[in-house]
Amino acid sequence: MLEATLRTRLGSRHPRFAGAVIAGGETTIVIRGVAPESDFEIGSISKAITGLLYADACGRGEIAPATPLGELLPLGNCAAAGVSIGSLSRHASGLPRLAPAAPGSASMLRRTASLVLQGDNPYGESLAELLEQARAVRRLGTRPRYSNLGYELLGHAVAAGAGTGYRELVAARLSGPLALDSVYMPATPGELRPGALTGTSRGGRPRQPWTGEALAPAGGIRASIQDLARLARALLDGTAPGMAALDPVAKFGGPAVRIGAAWLTLDAKGRRVTWHNGGTGGFSSWIGLDREANAGVVLLTATAAPVDQPGFELLRELPAR
């Protein structure tokens, strides 16, 4: 029944997908066109993971929401150094959505054009290059806005506060304790595992993998459907680290949506959904939780067409607790 529902919801735009539904204390997984162990780019669901690690580090006393970014990362006296990591966690720092070009590197506009025309990875920077980009920010905005740059910096800052690197932090506090063995962050294409899928555009054209040390906290994590389903269960039963990240603290993008640490909350037709989506050049993803009903949905596809609508619809149709 679930397989037929997912096929209908996702349609022909998603020939390769994996979905998981958590309801009634049970998890059901459906796959089409991929192996069960295949790993997908989860895009900005990486931010949701970073939000958990941020909240966990705050709870440990390693950092605090008011801690300036420049106390954790070597940014000098640039504009970005003065923003608080708490503002980064809820996209309220004023940093731009994308990083400005560091000296000697291609502009993000040119990189985006290469992505659209050739399927190239628009990211790929090292942490050192990310810090150069952050130092190139001359002026902060005045309104909250979604920032990939902000979450890249937040993840590496949280790791620095814990005295480690971002990949090591994820392993020590999330993927290790929850046994999420497929979760990893390739810095280069050469670090892709054998089960790594190649994503495609909406029109079916292959896309380069989105790899990069700098990108990991904002959009560079890969995972299998089994492990994201396991993460969803841990979020529902409260055993995941940094659960405070799911609690909304501010409005975001209008009166109907509120934000915690990356995680968004929306009242959708009588059900309060806590969620995040993701999209890269060749993948799309969605994770949604109805915490009151103890239900969740995870969708991963190896095509860039979004899956938000079928995710919301499927979660809304699940029975209450």
Protein backbone atom coordinates (compact mmCIF):
# COMPACT_ATOMS: atom_id res chain seq x y z
CA MET A 1 0.00 0.00 0.00
CA LEU A 2 2.75 2.45 0.95
CA GLU A 3 4.75 1.59 -2.16
CA ALA A 4 1.78 2.35 -4.39
CA THR A 5 1.14 5.61 -2.53
CA LEU A 6 4.75 6.74 -2.92
CA ARG A 7 4.81 5.82 -6.59
CA THR A 8 1.67 7.87 -7.12
CA ARG A 9 2.90 10.83 -5.07
CA LEU A 10 6.36 10.99 -6.66
CA GLY A 11 5.33 9.99 -10.17
CA SER A 12 7.61 9.67 -13.17
CA ARG A 13 9.78 12.62 -12.14
CA HIS A 14 11.48 10.41 -9.54
CA PRO A 15 12.54 7.07 -11.07
CA ARG A 16 15.05 6.51 -8.23
CA PHE A 17 13.82 7.15 -4.72
CA ALA A 18 13.72 5.82 -1.18
CA GLY A 19 11.04 6.61 1.36
CA ALA A 20 10.42 5.79 5.00
CA VAL A 21 7.29 6.14 7.11
CA ILE A 22 7.33 5.90 10.89
CA ALA A 23 3.89 5.33 12.42
CA GLY A 24 2.39 3.22 15.15
CA GLY A 25 5.83 2.34 16.46
CA GLU A 26 6.83 0.72 13.17
CA THR A 27 9.03 1.83 10.28
CA THR A 28 8.22 0.96 6.67
CA ILE A 29 10.80 1.57 3.93
CA VAL A 30 10.14 1.60 0.20
CA ILE A 31 12.77 1.92 -2.53
CA ARG A 32 12.58 2.18 -6.32
CA GLY A 33 15.46 2.00 -8.74
CA VAL A 34 18.19 1.96 -6.06
CA ALA A 35 19.83 -0.55 -3.75
CA PRO A 36 18.79 -0.55 -0.08
CA GLU A 37 22.27 0.56 1.00
CA SER A 38 22.58 3.39 -1.55
CA ASP A 39 23.59 6.75 -0.15
CA PHE A 40 22.00 9.99 -1.30
CA GLU A 41 23.04 13.62 -1.01
CA ILE A 42 20.66 14.96 1.62
CA GLY A 43 21.35 18.62 0.81
CA SER A 44 20.14 21.07 3.41
CA ILE A 45 18.93 18.37 5.77
CA SER A 46 22.62 18.68 6.65
CA LYS A 47 21.65 22.00 8.28
CA ALA A 48 19.11 20.18 10.44
CA ILE A 49 21.88 17.85 11.61
CA THR A 50 24.12 20.84 12.31
CA GLY A 51 21.27 22.38 14.29
CA LEU A 52 21.16 19.28 16.50
CA LEU A 53 24.91 19.48 17.10
CA TYR A 54 24.67 23.20 17.88
CA ALA A 55 21.92 22.65 20.45
CA ASP A 56 23.82 19.73 21.95
CA ALA A 57 27.00 21.81 22.28
CA CYS A 58 25.02 24.59 23.96
CA GLY A 59 23.64 22.06 26.41
CA ARG A 60 27.18 20.89 27.19
CA GLY A 61 28.29 24.46 27.89
CA GLU A 62 30.91 24.42 25.11
CA ILE A 63 29.28 27.37 23.35
CA ALA A 64 26.40 29.74 23.99
CA PRO A 65 23.95 31.43 21.61
CA ALA A 66 25.59 34.80 22.30
CA THR A 67 29.11 33.57 21.47
CA PRO A 68 30.54 35.65 18.60
CA LEU A 69 31.62 33.66 15.58
CA GLY A 70 35.06 35.28 15.75
CA GLU A 71 35.73 33.66 19.13
CA LEU A 72 35.52 30.23 17.52
CA LEU A 73 36.93 30.76 14.04
CA PRO A 74 39.97 32.87 12.98
CA LEU A 75 38.11 35.62 11.13
CA GLY A 76 39.96 38.72 12.34
CA ASN A 77 37.91 41.91 12.45
CA CYS A 78 35.63 41.22 9.50
CA ALA A 79 31.87 41.80 9.66
CA ALA A 80 31.11 38.09 10.00
CA ALA A 81 33.29 37.77 13.12
CA GLY A 82 30.83 39.76 15.21
CA VAL A 83 27.68 37.79 14.51
CA SER A 84 26.43 35.48 17.25
CA ILE A 85 26.23 31.78 16.61
CA GLY A 86 22.67 31.83 17.93
CA SER A 87 21.69 34.17 15.11
CA LEU A 88 23.40 31.83 12.63
CA SER A 89 21.34 28.91 13.94
CA ARG A 90 18.05 30.63 13.04
CA HIS A 91 19.24 32.35 9.82
CA ALA A 92 19.13 35.79 11.46
CA SER A 93 22.79 36.80 11.24
CA GLY A 94 22.47 39.05 8.20
CA LEU A 95 25.04 37.01 6.27
CA PRO A 96 24.26 36.52 2.56
CA ARG A 97 22.73 33.32 1.27
CA LEU A 98 25.89 32.45 -0.64
CA ALA A 99 29.50 33.33 0.03
CA PRO A 100 31.18 36.14 -1.89
CA ALA A 101 34.09 35.04 -4.05
CA ALA A 102 37.41 34.94 -2.28
CA PRO A 103 40.31 36.64 -4.11
CA GLY A 104 41.34 34.65 -7.16
CA SER A 105 38.29 32.35 -7.22
CA ALA A 106 35.31 32.19 -9.55
CA SER A 107 32.23 34.16 -8.56
CA MET A 108 29.18 32.28 -7.31
CA LEU A 109 27.27 33.56 -10.35
CA ARG A 110 29.77 31.86 -12.66
CA ARG A 111 29.65 28.70 -10.56
CA THR A 112 25.86 28.64 -10.68
CA ALA A 113 26.00 29.01 -14.46
CA SER A 114 28.40 26.06 -14.64
CA LEU A 115 25.99 24.03 -12.51
CA VAL A 116 23.03 24.80 -14.75
CA LEU A 117 24.86 24.34 -18.04
CA GLN A 118 27.31 21.56 -17.23
CA GLY A 119 26.19 20.05 -13.93
CA ASP A 120 29.34 21.15 -12.10
CA ASN A 121 29.62 21.25 -8.32
CA PRO A 122 29.36 24.95 -7.33
CA TYR A 123 31.03 24.33 -3.97
CA GLY A 124 34.12 22.28 -3.08
CA GLU A 125 36.00 24.74 -0.87
CA SER A 126 38.26 23.76 2.00
CA LEU A 127 37.71 25.21 5.47
CA ALA A 128 40.57 27.66 4.86
CA GLU A 129 38.89 28.87 1.67
CA LEU A 130 35.55 29.21 3.50
CA LEU A 131 37.20 31.48 6.06
CA GLU A 132 38.59 33.60 3.23
CA GLN A 133 35.09 33.91 1.81
CA ALA A 134 33.69 34.93 5.19
CA ARG A 135 36.35 37.62 5.56
CA ALA A 136 35.26 39.01 2.18
CA VAL A 137 31.76 39.84 3.52
CA ARG A 138 31.75 43.61 3.86
CA ARG A 139 28.23 44.32 5.02
CA LEU A 140 25.57 42.41 6.92
CA GLY A 141 21.89 42.48 6.03
CA THR A 142 19.21 43.68 8.41
CA ARG A 143 16.56 41.00 7.88
CA PRO A 144 16.59 37.25 8.54
CA ARG A 145 17.41 35.30 5.40
CA TYR A 146 18.30 31.72 4.65
CA SER A 147 22.08 31.44 4.48
CA ASN A 148 24.15 28.52 3.26
CA LEU A 149 27.25 30.51 4.18
CA GLY A 150 25.93 31.01 7.70
CA TYR A 151 25.37 27.31 8.28
CA GLU A 152 28.73 26.34 6.83
CA LEU A 153 30.35 28.68 9.35
CA LEU A 154 28.08 27.56 12.20
CA GLY A 155 28.95 23.89 11.81
CA HIS A 156 32.68 24.50 11.76
CA ALA A 157 32.36 26.92 14.69
CA VAL A 158 30.46 24.36 16.78
CA ALA A 159 33.17 21.80 16.02
CA ALA A 160 35.89 24.28 16.98
CA GLY A 161 34.11 24.94 20.26
CA ALA A 162 34.28 21.20 20.95
CA GLY A 163 37.97 21.11 20.03
CA THR A 164 37.53 18.98 16.91
CA GLY A 165 36.60 19.04 13.23
CA TYR A 166 33.07 18.90 11.84
CA ARG A 167 33.34 15.37 10.47
CA GLU A 168 34.73 14.12 13.76
CA LEU A 169 31.96 15.92 15.68
CA VAL A 170 29.23 14.26 13.61
CA ALA A 171 30.82 10.85 14.17
CA ALA A 172 31.31 11.32 17.92
CA ARG A 173 27.94 12.81 18.81
CA LEU A 174 25.44 11.74 16.16
CA SER A 175 26.33 8.97 13.73
CA GLY A 176 28.33 6.95 16.25
CA PRO A 177 25.84 6.95 19.14
CA LEU A 178 22.85 6.39 16.84
CA ALA A 179 24.64 3.80 14.65
CA LEU A 180 24.16 5.81 11.47
CA ASP A 181 26.94 4.04 9.62
CA SER A 182 26.13 5.45 6.19
CA VAL A 183 26.38 9.10 7.26
CA TYR A 184 29.52 10.73 5.86
CA MET A 185 30.80 13.98 4.36
CA PRO A 186 33.07 13.52 1.32
CA ALA A 187 35.51 16.39 0.84
CA THR A 188 36.32 15.28 -2.72
CA PRO A 189 34.72 12.95 -5.31
CA GLY A 190 37.48 10.47 -4.50
CA GLU A 191 36.00 10.02 -1.02
CA LEU A 192 32.63 8.81 -2.29
CA ARG A 193 31.73 5.33 -1.10
CA PRO A 194 30.79 2.44 -3.43
CA GLY A 195 27.07 2.93 -2.69
CA ALA A 196 27.04 6.60 -3.64
CA LEU A 197 24.37 7.42 -6.20
CA THR A 198 24.90 9.87 -9.05
CA GLY A 199 22.19 12.50 -9.06
CA THR A 200 20.43 13.93 -12.08
CA SER A 201 18.74 17.17 -13.03
CA ARG A 202 14.98 17.36 -13.43
CA GLY A 203 15.56 16.54 -17.07
CA GLY A 204 17.63 13.46 -16.27
CA ARG A 205 21.12 14.86 -16.92
CA PRO A 206 23.90 13.60 -14.59
CA ARG A 207 25.22 16.08 -12.03
CA GLN A 208 28.59 16.19 -10.32
CA PRO A 209 28.51 15.22 -6.65
CA TRP A 210 28.37 18.10 -4.18
CA THR A 211 31.50 17.50 -2.15
CA GLY A 212 33.66 19.85 -0.09
CA GLU A 213 35.03 20.24 3.41
CA ALA A 214 33.45 23.68 3.83
CA LEU A 215 30.05 22.58 2.53
CA ALA A 216 29.49 19.68 4.93
CA PRO A 217 27.50 21.46 7.72
CA ALA A 218 25.15 23.17 5.26
CA GLY A 219 24.68 20.67 2.45
CA GLY A 220 27.46 18.10 2.12
CA ILE A 221 26.21 15.09 4.09
CA ARG A 222 25.29 11.81 2.42
CA ALA A 223 23.19 9.04 3.99
CA SER A 224 21.03 6.00 3.25
CA ILE A 225 17.29 5.82 3.79
CA GLN A 226 17.74 3.31 6.62
CA ASP A 227 19.89 5.73 8.58
CA LEU A 228 17.71 8.78 8.03
CA ALA A 229 14.73 6.69 9.15
CA ARG A 230 16.73 5.72 12.23
CA LEU A 231 17.46 9.41 12.87
CA ALA A 232 13.76 10.25 12.51
CA ARG A 233 12.89 7.58 15.09
CA ALA A 234 15.48 8.98 17.49
CA LEU A 235 14.00 12.45 17.06
CA LEU A 236 10.52 11.12 17.78
CA ASP A 237 11.55 9.21 20.90
CA GLY A 238 13.86 11.96 22.15
CA THR A 239 17.12 9.98 22.06
CA ALA A 240 18.82 12.14 19.40
CA PRO A 241 21.35 14.72 20.61
CA GLY A 242 20.33 18.38 20.69
CA MET A 243 16.57 17.88 20.80
CA ALA A 244 16.13 21.57 21.70
CA ALA A 245 16.95 22.37 18.07
CA LEU A 246 13.42 21.27 17.12
CA ASP A 247 11.73 23.79 19.41
CA PRO A 248 10.77 26.97 17.51
CA VAL A 249 12.09 30.25 18.89
CA ALA A 250 11.30 32.83 16.19
CA LYS A 251 9.14 33.51 13.16
CA PHE A 252 10.74 32.73 9.82
CA GLY A 253 9.56 33.60 6.35
CA GLY A 254 6.10 34.74 7.44
CA PRO A 255 3.72 34.29 10.37
CA ALA A 256 2.90 30.63 9.66
CA VAL A 257 6.44 29.24 9.93
CA ARG A 258 8.69 29.27 12.98
CA ILE A 259 12.30 28.20 13.29
CA GLY A 260 14.43 26.53 15.95
CA ALA A 261 18.03 25.66 15.12
CA ALA A 262 17.46 25.08 11.38
CA TRP A 263 14.33 22.98 12.03
CA LEU A 264 11.11 24.60 10.81
CA THR A 265 7.64 24.21 12.34
CA LEU A 266 4.41 24.70 10.42
CA ASP A 267 0.79 24.05 11.35
CA ALA A 268 -0.51 22.17 8.31
CA LYS A 269 -4.25 21.41 8.31
CA GLY A 270 -4.46 20.71 12.00
CA ARG A 271 -1.11 18.94 12.36
CA ARG A 272 2.05 20.59 13.64
CA VAL A 273 4.89 19.49 11.39
CA THR A 274 8.58 19.90 12.26
CA TRP A 275 10.59 19.55 9.09
CA HIS A 276 13.48 20.41 6.80
CA ASN A 277 14.06 19.87 3.12
CA GLY A 278 17.14 19.56 0.96
CA GLY A 279 18.14 20.02 -2.65
CA THR A 280 21.41 19.77 -4.56
CA GLY A 281 22.19 19.74 -8.26
CA GLY A 282 20.98 16.17 -8.59
CA PHE A 283 19.10 15.23 -5.41
CA SER A 284 16.05 16.24 -3.40
CA SER A 285 15.10 15.28 0.15
CA TRP A 286 12.55 15.92 2.89
CA ILE A 287 12.16 14.91 6.53
CA GLY A 288 9.03 15.70 8.51
CA LEU A 289 7.84 14.84 12.00
CA ASP A 290 4.48 15.04 13.70
CA ARG A 291 5.82 14.86 17.23
CA GLU A 292 2.38 14.74 18.86
CA ALA A 293 1.34 11.79 16.71
CA ASN A 294 4.75 10.08 17.01
CA ALA A 295 4.90 9.87 13.22
CA GLY A 296 7.45 10.79 10.59
CA VAL A 297 8.24 10.68 6.89
CA VAL A 298 11.59 10.71 5.08
CA LEU A 299 11.89 11.04 1.29
CA LEU A 300 15.16 10.82 -0.66
CA THR A 301 15.43 11.01 -4.44
CA ALA A 302 18.31 11.01 -6.90
CA THR A 303 16.63 13.69 -9.00
CA ALA A 304 16.56 17.43 -8.39
CA ALA A 305 12.76 17.81 -8.55
CA PRO A 306 11.51 18.76 -5.03
CA VAL A 307 9.57 16.36 -2.81
CA ASP A 308 8.17 18.75 -0.18
CA GLN A 309 4.54 18.49 -1.25
CA PRO A 310 4.36 14.67 -1.27
CA GLY A 311 6.16 14.65 2.07
CA PHE A 312 3.64 16.95 3.71
CA GLU A 313 0.73 15.08 2.15
CA LEU A 314 1.97 11.68 3.24
CA LEU A 315 2.64 12.81 6.80
CA ARG A 316 -0.79 14.42 7.04
CA GLU A 317 -2.43 11.15 6.04
CA LEU A 318 -0.77 9.12 8.81
CA PRO A 319 -2.96 8.22 11.79
CA ALA A 320 -2.57 10.11 15.04
CA ARG A 321 -1.10 8.34 18.03
